Amino acid sequence: MARRALGLLERPFKEADAESVALFPAWVRWARTLDSALLGGAESTLVAVAVLEDRIAGTCVGDSRAYLWGRDGTLRILSDGAAERRLGSGRP
C-alpha cells in the first residue's frame, strides 16, 4: 500500500512548480486524490514533506507523526494529534 501511495503522490509532485509545493492547498488536493485512488483497498497512513529553502510543507493523514530533528539536537513535532481518518477511507 505504501509503495502504491508513493507512486500516486510522485506524479503531481513532479508536475508541480516550487510555488505550488510550498502552498498548503496543493497538499490537501494531493491527499484527497490519493484517498480517492485508494478507496476500496486497505487503508493507510501517510506523512509526506518537502524541505524548502526557508520552510517545510507537507501533509499528514492518519496516526503517523512527523518530527524535525534540528542540527542543535532539539526534536520538535511537526504534525498535530492523531486522526482517525486514513488514506482510502474516503474521509482524509
C-alpha atoms as a PDB file:
ATOM      1  CA  MET A   1       0.000   0.000   0.000  1.00  0.00           C
ATOM      2  CA  ALA A   2       2.783   2.446   0.873  1.00  0.00           C
ATOM      3  CA  ARG A   3       4.521   1.862  -2.449  1.00  0.00           C
ATOM      4  CA  ARG A   4       1.254   2.478  -4.305  1.00  0.00           C
ATOM      5  CA  ALA A   5       0.555   5.690  -2.340  1.00  0.00           C
ATOM      6  CA  LEU A   6       4.079   6.921  -3.050  1.00  0.00           C
ATOM      7  CA  GLY A   7       3.677   6.213  -6.750  1.00  0.00           C
ATOM      8  CA  LEU A   8       0.388   8.106  -6.828  1.00  0.00           C
ATOM      9  CA  LEU A   9       1.902  11.092  -4.994  1.00  0.00           C
ATOM     10  CA  GLU A  10       5.001  11.181  -7.179  1.00  0.00           C
ATOM     11  CA  ARG A  11       3.280  12.347 -10.372  1.00  0.00           C
ATOM     12  CA  PRO A  12       1.506  15.500  -9.102  1.00  0.00           C
ATOM     13  CA  PHE A  13       4.568  16.376  -7.027  1.00  0.00           C
ATOM     14  CA  LYS A  14       6.848  16.188 -10.084  1.00  0.00           C
ATOM     15  CA  GLU A  15       4.396  18.236 -12.166  1.00  0.00           C
ATOM     16  CA  ALA A  16       4.048  20.999  -9.558  1.00  0.00           C
ATOM     17  CA  ASP A  17       6.137  24.124  -9.572  1.00  0.00           C
ATOM     18  CA  ALA A  18       8.077  25.206  -6.477  1.00  0.00           C
ATOM     19  CA  GLU A  19       5.434  27.770  -5.539  1.00  0.00           C
ATOM     20  CA  SER A  20       2.670  25.131  -5.501  1.00  0.00           C
ATOM     21  CA  VAL A  21       4.749  22.735  -3.401  1.00  0.00           C
ATOM     22  CA  ALA A  22       5.116  25.479  -0.789  1.00  0.00           C
ATOM     23  CA  LEU A  23       1.339  26.026  -0.505  1.00  0.00           C
ATOM     24  CA  PHE A  24      -0.906  24.044   1.822  1.00  0.00           C
ATOM     25  CA  PRO A  25      -3.882  23.774  -0.616  1.00  0.00           C
ATOM     26  CA  ALA A  26      -1.779  21.730  -3.055  1.00  0.00           C
ATOM     27  CA  TRP A  27      -1.004  19.189  -0.317  1.00  0.00           C
ATOM     28  CA  VAL A  28      -4.687  18.969   0.648  1.00  0.00           C
ATOM     29  CA  ARG A  29      -5.620  18.356  -3.002  1.00  0.00           C
ATOM     30  CA  TRP A  30      -2.919  15.678  -3.347  1.00  0.00           C
ATOM     31  CA  ALA A  31      -4.089  13.899  -0.167  1.00  0.00           C
ATOM     32  CA  ARG A  32      -7.679  13.885  -1.437  1.00  0.00           C
ATOM     33  CA  THR A  33      -6.570  12.499  -4.797  1.00  0.00           C
ATOM     34  CA  LEU A  34      -4.613   9.756  -3.030  1.00  0.00           C
ATOM     35  CA  ASP A  35      -7.587   8.948  -0.833  1.00  0.00           C
ATOM     36  CA  SER A  36      -9.893   8.613  -3.845  1.00  0.00           C
ATOM     37  CA  ALA A  37      -7.414   6.405  -5.710  1.00  0.00           C
ATOM     38  CA  LEU A  38      -7.063   4.056  -2.735  1.00  0.00           C
ATOM     39  CA  LEU A  39     -10.792   3.642  -1.934  1.00  0.00           C
ATOM     40  CA  GLY A  40     -11.895   0.045  -1.594  1.00  0.00           C
ATOM     41  CA  GLY A  41      -8.488  -1.308  -0.600  1.00  0.00           C
ATOM     42  CA  ALA A  42      -6.539  -1.394   2.619  1.00  0.00           C
ATOM     43  CA  GLU A  43      -6.377   1.951   4.408  1.00  0.00           C
ATOM     44  CA  SER A  44      -3.015   3.604   5.022  1.00  0.00           C
ATOM     45  CA  THR A  45      -1.391   6.465   6.885  1.00  0.00           C
ATOM     46  CA  LEU A  46       0.938   8.975   5.257  1.00  0.00           C
ATOM     47  CA  VAL A  47       3.419  11.663   6.202  1.00  0.00           C
ATOM     48  CA  ALA A  48       4.953  13.495   3.251  1.00  0.00           C
ATOM     49  CA  VAL A  49       7.075  16.636   3.450  1.00  0.00           C
ATOM     50  CA  ALA A  50       9.128  18.862   1.209  1.00  0.00           C
ATOM     51  CA  VAL A  51      12.060  20.725   2.731  1.00  0.00           C
ATOM     52  CA  LEU A  52      12.223  24.091   1.011  1.00  0.00           C
ATOM     53  CA  GLU A  53      14.736  26.903   1.376  1.00  0.00           C
ATOM     54  CA  ASP A  54      13.006  28.603   4.284  1.00  0.00           C
ATOM     55  CA  ARG A  55      10.163  26.275   5.295  1.00  0.00           C
ATOM     56  CA  ILE A  56       8.739  22.785   5.377  1.00  0.00           C
ATOM     57  CA  ALA A  57       5.437  21.953   3.666  1.00  0.00           C
ATOM     58  CA  GLY A  58       3.547  18.693   3.625  1.00  0.00           C
ATOM     59  CA  THR A  59       0.635  16.598   4.793  1.00  0.00           C
ATOM     60  CA  CYS A  60      -0.112  14.038   7.488  1.00  0.00           C
ATOM     61  CA  VAL A  61      -3.026  11.594   7.203  1.00  0.00           C
ATOM     62  CA  GLY A  62      -3.792   9.050   9.921  1.00  0.00           C
ATOM     63  CA  ASP A  63      -1.888   8.481  13.130  1.00  0.00           C
ATOM     64  CA  SER A  64       1.647   8.803  11.761  1.00  0.00           C
ATOM     65  CA  ARG A  65       3.831  11.572  13.147  1.00  0.00           C
ATOM     66  CA  ALA A  66       6.404  13.900  11.618  1.00  0.00           C
ATOM     67  CA  TYR A  67       9.278  15.261  13.715  1.00  0.00           C
ATOM     68  CA  LEU A  68      12.050  17.727  12.951  1.00  0.00           C
ATOM     69  CA  TRP A  69      15.400  16.955  14.466  1.00  0.00           C
ATOM     70  CA  GLY A  70      17.377  20.187  14.446  1.00  0.00           C
ATOM     71  CA  ARG A  71      21.104  20.497  13.962  1.00  0.00           C
ATOM     72  CA  ASP A  72      21.320  21.687  17.563  1.00  0.00           C
ATOM     73  CA  GLY A  73      19.891  18.351  18.771  1.00  0.00           C
ATOM     74  CA  THR A  74      16.367  19.593  19.506  1.00  0.00           C
ATOM     75  CA  LEU A  75      13.421  17.455  18.467  1.00  0.00           C
ATOM     76  CA  ARG A  76      10.130  19.123  17.520  1.00  0.00           C
ATOM     77  CA  ILE A  77       6.843  17.544  16.444  1.00  0.00           C
ATOM     78  CA  LEU A  78       5.539  18.935  13.154  1.00  0.00           C
ATOM     79  CA  SER A  79       2.204  17.108  12.930  1.00  0.00           C
ATOM     80  CA  ASP A  80      -0.749  17.591  15.232  1.00  0.00           C
ATOM     81  CA  GLY A  81      -2.737  14.923  17.076  1.00  0.00           C
ATOM     82  CA  ALA A  82      -3.719  11.596  15.576  1.00  0.00           C
ATOM     83  CA  ALA A  83      -6.586  11.469  13.118  1.00  0.00           C
ATOM     84  CA  GLU A  84      -8.940   8.515  12.820  1.00  0.00           C
ATOM     85  CA  ARG A  85      -9.064   9.039   9.061  1.00  0.00           C
ATOM     86  CA  ARG A  86      -6.690   7.190   6.786  1.00  0.00           C
ATOM     87  CA  LEU A  87      -5.987   7.184   3.066  1.00  0.00           C
ATOM     88  CA  GLY A  88      -8.535   5.011   1.321  1.00  0.00           C
ATOM     89  CA  SER A  89     -11.247   5.702   3.908  1.00  0.00           C
ATOM     90  CA  GLY A  90     -12.968   8.371   1.848  1.00  0.00           C
ATOM     91  CA  ARG A  91     -12.508  10.870   4.704  1.00  0.00           C
ATOM     92  CA  PRO A  92      -8.948  12.340   4.589  1.00  0.00           C
END
